[in-house]
Amino acid sequence: MTTTARVSPPRLEICNIVRSFGGRRVVDDVSLVVMPGQVTCLLGPSGCGKSTTLRIIAGVDIQDAGTIHVDGRLICDTVTRVPPEERGIGLMFQDFALFPHLDVARNVAFGLKGPKGEVRGRVEDLLRKVGMSRHIDAYPHQLSGGEQQRVALARALAPRPRIMLMDEPFSGLDDRLRDEIRDETLGVLKAEGTAVLLVTHEPTEAMRMADEIALMRDGRVVQRGAPYTVYNSPADMKAAGFFSDINVIRGTVRGALTETAFGQFLAPGVPDGTDVAIVIRPHHVKIDFDRGGRGPNPTPQDGVPARGVVERARFMGSESLVEFRMDFDGSILRATVPSVFLPRVGTALWLMIRRDRCFVFPQA
């Protein structure tokens, strides 16, 4: 007898969500799936539709088209609408929104139902998980920003939401504290088995927290995948540029090849005569010190060296950023070099670019 394993439905599934304001589609045919314990990040610039998507899922806004399911149950379409408080969804926003007149324990317990002993036990357990047990009797004004964030997390988790929606919740914290709180928050959410949909405009935050990134632009999801995939296989030039600075070398395809000062680049499937942009990140630009007798020989993947003249060099902490004016077309090419490397302005150096780290995109 053959048995078939039962596949659990996604914790959150949104299909073909559309929302328009004033005739403009702010959310345009967005679909997402988030499994229990998974962290998915909606990443994109301000105004791309991230927060509107979150509000629709939370139930504080209504889509014009599309459906939302939680654990396989329809909670919202253009006819059916489960009230926000019955969706099993927790919310965390930039504003911690703690009640100033309630102490930490009563803030976390707000809205919980049941015997007092059970409620108190849940509150104490969550405050222990977020490292706030000793502040249980404190009031919000007595806490730092990071401590308030921990209390807000405990309060959001108290009713055991199946889904947590987070809209730039760490943006008000300084960088070092943000990293600490972010990692602690992620650990608590995963331990609770909560499905998380996080909104941010910061690629570093998305890469650090997400199991999957959905990159949005102009109301649409333009690429979805694991952080490694969206970073190393960008859908287009804008997607590549959203994650880091980029250099762009332009050329025209002839016989599936593009001729540049750095040699030929493959452009398979691109018609002859098509203008293309060859994109490479600054940390994949290599300075050919061998021409000065100070470094290793170039490998075949490094291509043909091209000469540039130093326009500017800056030390950035862990690396140096050097800008070159290239001989072949007068364009600026940026290279990052580990540690301290500050050549004088006007110094001529030879550069190579990693072919296996370049992206070739047709241009409209």
Protein backbone atom coordinates (compact mmCIF):
# COMPACT_ATOMS: atom_id res chain seq x y z
CA MET A 1 0.00 0.00 0.00
CA THR A 2 1.38 3.38 -1.00
CA THR A 3 0.86 6.36 1.26
CA THR A 4 1.21 9.94 0.15
CA ALA A 5 2.74 12.44 2.58
CA ARG A 6 0.42 15.29 3.34
CA VAL A 7 1.85 18.63 2.29
CA SER A 8 0.97 21.50 4.60
CA PRO A 9 -0.41 24.62 2.90
CA PRO A 10 1.64 27.82 2.99
CA ARG A 11 1.22 29.83 6.16
CA LEU A 12 0.58 32.92 3.99
CA GLU A 13 -0.29 32.98 0.31
CA ILE A 14 -1.20 36.11 -1.61
CA CYS A 15 -2.19 35.77 -5.26
CA ASN A 16 -2.32 38.49 -7.91
CA ILE A 17 -2.95 41.38 -5.49
CA VAL A 18 -3.78 44.70 -7.16
CA ARG A 19 -4.31 48.08 -5.49
CA SER A 20 -4.76 51.40 -7.28
CA PHE A 21 -4.93 54.97 -6.04
CA GLY A 22 -6.00 57.81 -8.33
CA GLY A 23 -5.80 55.58 -11.39
CA ARG A 24 -2.22 54.46 -10.63
CA ARG A 25 -1.44 50.86 -9.69
CA VAL A 26 0.52 51.04 -6.45
CA VAL A 27 0.48 47.23 -6.08
CA ASP A 28 0.48 45.47 -9.43
CA ASP A 29 -0.24 41.73 -9.58
CA VAL A 30 1.85 40.76 -6.53
CA SER A 31 1.99 37.09 -5.50
CA LEU A 32 3.93 35.63 -2.55
CA VAL A 33 4.12 32.43 -0.54
CA VAL A 34 5.53 32.31 3.02
CA MET A 35 5.90 29.00 4.86
CA PRO A 36 5.85 28.51 8.67
CA GLY A 37 9.14 29.65 10.19
CA GLN A 38 10.21 31.36 6.97
CA VAL A 39 11.36 34.98 6.72
CA THR A 40 10.48 36.66 3.45
CA CYS A 41 11.54 40.22 2.76
CA LEU A 42 9.77 42.73 0.53
CA LEU A 43 12.70 44.85 -0.58
CA GLY A 44 12.59 47.99 -2.68
CA PRO A 45 12.83 51.78 -2.77
CA SER A 46 10.33 54.08 -1.08
CA GLY A 47 7.02 54.22 -2.94
CA CYS A 48 7.36 50.84 -4.66
CA GLY A 49 4.26 49.36 -2.96
CA LYS A 50 5.86 47.39 -0.09
CA SER A 51 3.96 48.94 2.81
CA THR A 52 0.66 48.98 0.91
CA THR A 53 1.03 45.23 0.34
CA LEU A 54 1.61 44.77 4.06
CA ARG A 55 -1.46 46.84 4.98
CA ILE A 56 -3.63 44.77 2.65
CA ILE A 57 -2.44 41.53 4.28
CA ALA A 58 -3.04 43.01 7.74
CA GLY A 59 -6.58 43.98 6.74
CA VAL A 60 -6.23 47.75 7.22
CA ASP A 61 -6.52 48.27 3.44
CA ILE A 62 -8.48 46.32 0.81
CA GLN A 63 -7.19 45.14 -2.54
CA ASP A 64 -8.96 45.81 -5.83
CA ALA A 65 -8.23 42.28 -7.05
CA GLY A 66 -6.54 39.11 -5.83
CA THR A 67 -6.80 36.75 -2.87
CA ILE A 68 -5.12 36.17 0.50
CA HIS A 69 -5.02 32.79 2.24
CA VAL A 70 -3.71 31.91 5.72
CA ASP A 71 -3.05 28.18 6.28
CA GLY A 72 -5.15 27.45 3.20
CA ARG A 73 -8.15 29.45 4.45
CA LEU A 74 -9.40 32.37 2.37
CA ILE A 75 -9.30 35.48 4.53
CA CYS A 76 -9.75 38.15 1.89
CA ASP A 77 -10.79 38.66 -1.71
CA THR A 78 -13.01 41.32 -3.27
CA VAL A 79 -16.10 39.79 -1.61
CA THR A 80 -14.93 37.96 1.54
CA ARG A 81 -13.05 39.83 4.27
CA VAL A 82 -12.05 38.41 7.64
CA PRO A 83 -11.63 41.27 10.18
CA PRO A 84 -7.99 42.17 10.99
CA GLU A 85 -8.27 40.99 14.60
CA GLU A 86 -9.36 37.50 13.48
CA ARG A 87 -6.54 36.87 10.98
CA GLY A 88 -3.91 35.61 13.44
CA ILE A 89 -1.47 38.24 12.21
CA GLY A 90 0.92 40.24 14.39
CA LEU A 91 2.26 43.68 13.46
CA MET A 92 5.53 45.49 14.18
CA PHE A 93 6.18 48.96 12.77
CA GLN A 94 8.76 51.75 13.03
CA ASP A 95 6.76 53.27 15.87
CA PHE A 96 6.86 50.83 18.79
CA ALA A 97 3.45 52.20 19.93
CA LEU A 98 3.78 51.07 23.53
CA PHE A 99 1.15 52.38 25.93
CA PRO A 100 2.94 54.98 28.08
CA HIS A 101 0.58 54.54 31.05
CA LEU A 102 1.13 50.75 31.27
CA ASP A 103 4.20 49.01 32.62
CA VAL A 104 6.08 46.41 30.55
CA ALA A 105 4.09 43.46 31.88
CA ARG A 106 0.72 45.07 31.10
CA ASN A 107 1.93 46.24 27.67
CA VAL A 108 2.86 42.68 26.72
CA ALA A 109 -0.35 41.26 28.24
CA PHE A 110 -2.61 43.79 26.50
CA GLY A 111 -5.30 41.96 24.56
CA LEU A 112 -4.49 38.51 25.98
CA LYS A 113 -7.42 36.51 27.33
CA GLY A 114 -7.45 33.65 29.81
CA PRO A 115 -6.70 32.95 33.46
CA LYS A 116 -4.41 35.51 35.04
CA GLY A 117 -1.83 32.88 35.91
CA GLU A 118 -1.58 31.70 32.28
CA VAL A 119 -1.36 35.27 30.98
CA ARG A 120 1.35 36.12 33.51
CA GLY A 121 3.26 32.98 32.58
CA ARG A 122 3.15 33.85 28.88
CA VAL A 123 4.33 37.40 29.60
CA GLU A 124 7.23 36.24 31.77
CA ASP A 125 8.27 33.61 29.21
CA LEU A 126 8.38 36.13 26.36
CA LEU A 127 10.21 38.76 28.38
CA ARG A 128 12.80 36.13 29.27
CA LYS A 129 13.22 35.25 25.58
CA VAL A 130 13.82 38.88 24.64
CA GLY A 131 16.06 39.58 27.63
CA MET A 132 13.69 41.98 29.38
CA SER A 133 12.72 40.05 32.52
CA ARG A 134 14.33 42.54 34.88
CA HIS A 135 12.32 45.41 33.36
CA ILE A 136 8.94 43.76 33.85
CA ASP A 137 7.69 46.54 36.16
CA ALA A 138 9.27 49.44 34.24
CA TYR A 139 7.36 51.97 32.12
CA PRO A 140 8.18 52.75 28.46
CA HIS A 141 9.72 56.16 29.25
CA GLN A 142 12.24 54.40 31.50
CA LEU A 143 13.51 52.20 28.65
CA SER A 144 16.02 52.82 25.85
CA GLY A 145 15.00 52.53 22.21
CA GLY A 146 16.42 49.01 21.97
CA GLU A 147 14.60 47.94 25.14
CA GLN A 148 11.33 49.36 23.85
CA GLN A 149 11.85 47.39 20.63
CA ARG A 150 12.25 44.18 22.61
CA VAL A 151 9.05 44.87 24.53
CA ALA A 152 7.20 45.62 21.28
CA LEU A 153 8.38 42.27 19.92
CA ALA A 154 7.18 40.44 23.03
CA ARG A 155 3.79 42.15 22.81
CA ALA A 156 3.43 41.28 19.13
CA LEU A 157 4.25 37.62 19.86
CA ALA A 158 2.06 37.33 22.98
CA PRO A 159 -1.15 36.20 21.20
CA ARG A 160 0.87 33.59 19.24
CA PRO A 161 0.29 35.02 15.75
CA ARG A 162 0.81 32.63 12.88
CA ILE A 163 2.21 35.48 10.77
CA MET A 164 4.27 38.52 11.73
CA LEU A 165 4.27 41.58 9.48
CA MET A 166 7.20 43.94 10.08
CA ASP A 167 7.44 47.35 8.42
CA GLU A 168 10.97 48.79 8.81
CA PRO A 169 10.86 47.98 12.55
CA PHE A 170 14.57 48.59 13.18
CA SER A 171 15.03 51.86 11.30
CA GLY A 172 14.95 54.00 14.46
CA LEU A 173 17.91 52.21 16.07
CA ASP A 174 21.59 52.99 15.65
CA ASP A 175 23.59 50.59 13.47
CA ARG A 176 25.27 48.50 16.16
CA LEU A 177 22.13 48.11 18.25
CA ARG A 178 20.11 47.42 15.11
CA ASP A 179 22.25 44.38 14.26
CA GLU A 180 21.91 43.01 17.79
CA ILE A 181 18.13 43.49 18.02
CA ARG A 182 17.63 42.19 14.49
CA ASP A 183 19.43 38.93 15.23
CA GLU A 184 17.64 38.47 18.56
CA THR A 185 14.27 39.14 16.93
CA LEU A 186 14.93 36.63 14.17
CA GLY A 187 15.89 33.96 16.70
CA VAL A 188 12.71 34.46 18.74
CA LEU A 189 10.44 34.46 15.68
CA LYS A 190 11.96 31.26 14.29
CA ALA A 191 11.74 29.59 17.72
CA GLU A 192 8.02 30.42 17.76
CA GLY A 193 7.56 29.00 14.23
CA THR A 194 6.12 32.30 13.02
CA ALA A 195 6.00 33.10 9.32
CA VAL A 196 7.53 36.55 8.83
CA LEU A 197 7.00 39.11 6.08
CA LEU A 198 9.47 41.95 6.52
CA VAL A 199 9.45 45.25 4.63
CA THR A 200 12.68 47.21 4.20
CA HIS A 201 14.48 49.46 1.73
CA GLU A 202 17.91 48.34 2.98
CA PRO A 203 19.54 45.49 1.01
CA THR A 204 21.90 44.69 3.89
CA GLU A 205 19.00 44.12 6.26
CA ALA A 206 17.21 41.92 3.72
CA MET A 207 20.34 39.85 3.08
CA ARG A 208 20.94 39.44 6.80
CA MET A 209 17.42 38.40 7.81
CA ALA A 210 15.59 36.85 4.87
CA ASP A 211 15.30 33.28 3.68
CA GLU A 212 13.75 34.72 0.52
CA ILE A 213 13.82 38.20 -0.96
CA ALA A 214 11.07 39.62 -3.18
CA LEU A 215 12.51 42.67 -4.93
CA MET A 216 9.81 45.23 -5.77
CA ARG A 217 9.80 48.10 -8.21
CA ASP A 218 6.88 50.26 -9.36
CA GLY A 219 4.35 48.05 -7.59
CA ARG A 220 5.60 44.76 -9.06
CA VAL A 221 7.81 41.96 -7.80
CA VAL A 222 10.62 41.95 -10.37
CA GLN A 223 12.63 39.10 -8.82
CA ARG A 224 12.22 36.48 -6.09
CA GLY A 225 14.74 34.11 -4.61
CA ALA A 226 17.25 33.35 -1.90
CA PRO A 227 19.57 36.27 -1.02
CA TYR A 228 22.50 34.56 -2.79
CA THR A 229 20.45 34.18 -5.97
CA VAL A 230 19.05 37.69 -6.23
CA TYR A 231 22.50 39.16 -5.52
CA ASN A 232 24.51 36.96 -7.88
CA SER A 233 21.91 36.51 -10.64
CA PRO A 234 20.10 39.87 -10.86
CA ALA A 235 17.10 40.09 -13.17
CA ASP A 236 18.26 43.36 -14.76
CA MET A 237 20.67 46.25 -14.36
CA LYS A 238 18.46 48.08 -11.86
CA ALA A 239 18.26 44.95 -9.72
CA ALA A 240 22.06 44.64 -9.72
CA GLY A 241 22.43 48.32 -8.83
CA PHE A 242 19.99 48.13 -5.94
CA PHE A 243 22.28 45.82 -3.97
CA SER A 244 25.56 47.65 -4.52
CA ASP A 245 27.43 50.21 -6.60
CA ILE A 246 28.01 49.01 -10.14
CA ASN A 247 30.21 49.83 -13.10
CA VAL A 248 28.57 49.82 -16.54
CA ILE A 249 30.51 49.17 -19.75
CA ARG A 250 28.48 49.60 -22.93
CA GLY A 251 28.88 47.79 -26.21
CA THR A 252 27.08 46.31 -29.22
CA VAL A 253 26.55 42.61 -29.97
CA ARG A 254 28.16 41.15 -33.09
CA GLY A 255 27.93 37.40 -33.57
CA ALA A 256 26.87 36.77 -29.95
CA LEU A 257 29.95 38.69 -28.77
CA THR A 258 30.45 42.20 -27.45
CA GLU A 259 33.81 43.84 -28.09
CA THR A 260 35.20 46.04 -25.29
CA ALA A 261 38.55 47.39 -24.17
CA PHE A 262 38.63 44.43 -21.75
CA GLY A 263 38.19 41.90 -24.57
CA GLN A 264 35.16 40.07 -25.87
CA PHE A 265 32.15 39.16 -23.76
CA LEU A 266 29.60 36.48 -24.58
CA ALA A 267 26.02 37.63 -25.17
CA PRO A 268 24.23 34.37 -26.04
CA GLY A 269 20.75 34.73 -27.47
CA VAL A 270 21.07 38.50 -27.95
CA PRO A 271 20.41 39.59 -31.55
CA ASP A 272 23.19 41.25 -33.55
CA GLY A 273 23.16 45.02 -33.36
CA THR A 274 21.67 45.06 -29.86
CA ASP A 275 23.22 47.57 -27.48
CA VAL A 276 24.12 45.94 -24.18
CA ALA A 277 25.31 47.00 -20.74
CA ILE A 278 28.05 44.91 -19.13
CA VAL A 279 27.69 45.34 -15.36
CA ILE A 280 30.40 44.60 -12.80
CA ARG A 281 30.61 45.47 -9.12
CA PRO A 282 33.63 47.49 -7.91
CA HIS A 283 35.01 44.67 -5.74
CA HIS A 284 35.33 42.47 -8.84
CA VAL A 285 37.55 44.97 -10.65
CA LYS A 286 41.16 43.79 -10.36
CA ILE A 287 44.24 46.02 -10.53
CA ASP A 288 46.98 44.38 -12.64
CA PHE A 289 49.96 45.04 -10.38
CA ASP A 290 51.98 42.51 -12.40
CA ARG A 291 52.68 45.16 -15.00
CA GLY A 292 54.65 46.90 -12.30
CA GLY A 293 56.27 43.66 -11.17
CA ARG A 294 54.31 43.57 -7.88
CA GLY A 295 51.67 40.91 -8.28
CA PRO A 296 50.40 37.63 -9.79
CA ASN A 297 49.81 36.98 -13.47
CA PRO A 298 46.26 37.49 -14.69
CA THR A 299 44.09 34.40 -15.21
CA PRO A 300 42.07 33.79 -18.41
CA GLN A 301 38.85 34.80 -16.65
CA ASP A 302 40.38 38.23 -15.91
CA GLY A 303 40.31 39.07 -19.63
CA VAL A 304 42.35 41.79 -21.33
CA PRO A 305 43.85 44.57 -19.18
CA ALA A 306 42.79 48.16 -19.91
CA ARG A 307 44.52 51.30 -18.68
CA GLY A 308 42.99 53.94 -16.43
CA VAL A 309 44.26 57.02 -14.63
CA VAL A 310 43.47 57.59 -10.94
CA GLU A 311 40.94 60.38 -10.45
CA ARG A 312 40.26 59.88 -6.73
CA ALA A 313 41.15 57.46 -3.92
CA ARG A 314 39.44 57.23 -0.56
CA PHE A 315 39.96 54.99 2.46
CA MET A 316 36.58 53.58 3.56
CA GLY A 317 37.57 51.65 6.69
CA SER A 318 37.91 48.01 5.69
CA GLU A 319 38.68 48.86 2.06
CA SER A 320 39.74 51.64 -0.29
CA LEU A 321 37.67 53.01 -3.17
CA VAL A 322 39.63 54.10 -6.23
CA GLU A 323 38.08 55.86 -9.23
CA PHE A 324 39.77 55.61 -12.62
CA ARG A 325 39.30 57.62 -15.82
CA MET A 326 39.58 54.97 -18.52
CA ASP A 327 41.71 55.63 -21.58
CA PHE A 328 39.44 53.81 -24.01
CA ASP A 329 36.34 55.99 -23.64
CA GLY A 330 36.92 58.48 -20.82
CA SER A 331 34.39 56.78 -18.55
CA ILE A 332 34.82 56.37 -14.79
CA LEU A 333 35.44 52.87 -13.43
CA ARG A 334 35.41 52.23 -9.68
CA ALA A 335 37.44 49.57 -7.90
CA THR A 336 37.46 48.60 -4.24
CA VAL A 337 40.66 47.23 -2.77
CA PRO A 338 40.99 45.56 0.67
CA SER A 339 42.79 47.57 3.36
CA VAL A 340 44.68 50.78 2.49
CA PHE A 341 45.44 51.56 -1.14
CA LEU A 342 45.64 55.27 -1.96
CA PRO A 343 47.52 55.86 -5.21
CA ARG A 344 48.19 59.45 -6.19
CA VAL A 345 45.82 61.26 -8.53
CA GLY A 346 47.17 60.96 -12.07
CA THR A 347 48.77 57.54 -11.55
CA ALA A 348 48.21 55.23 -14.53
CA LEU A 349 47.32 51.62 -13.70
CA TRP A 350 46.05 48.63 -15.64
CA LEU A 351 42.70 47.08 -14.71
CA MET A 352 41.02 43.76 -15.40
CA ILE A 353 37.44 42.66 -14.79
CA ARG A 354 36.29 39.21 -13.78
CA ARG A 355 34.33 37.80 -16.70
CA ASP A 356 32.57 35.30 -14.44
CA ARG A 357 31.37 38.18 -12.27
CA CYS A 358 29.93 40.31 -15.08
CA PHE A 359 26.27 40.56 -16.07
CA VAL A 360 25.27 41.36 -19.66
CA PHE A 361 21.89 43.07 -20.09
CA PRO A 362 20.26 44.20 -23.37
CA GLN A 363 19.43 47.90 -23.43
CA ALA A 364 16.12 49.27 -24.67
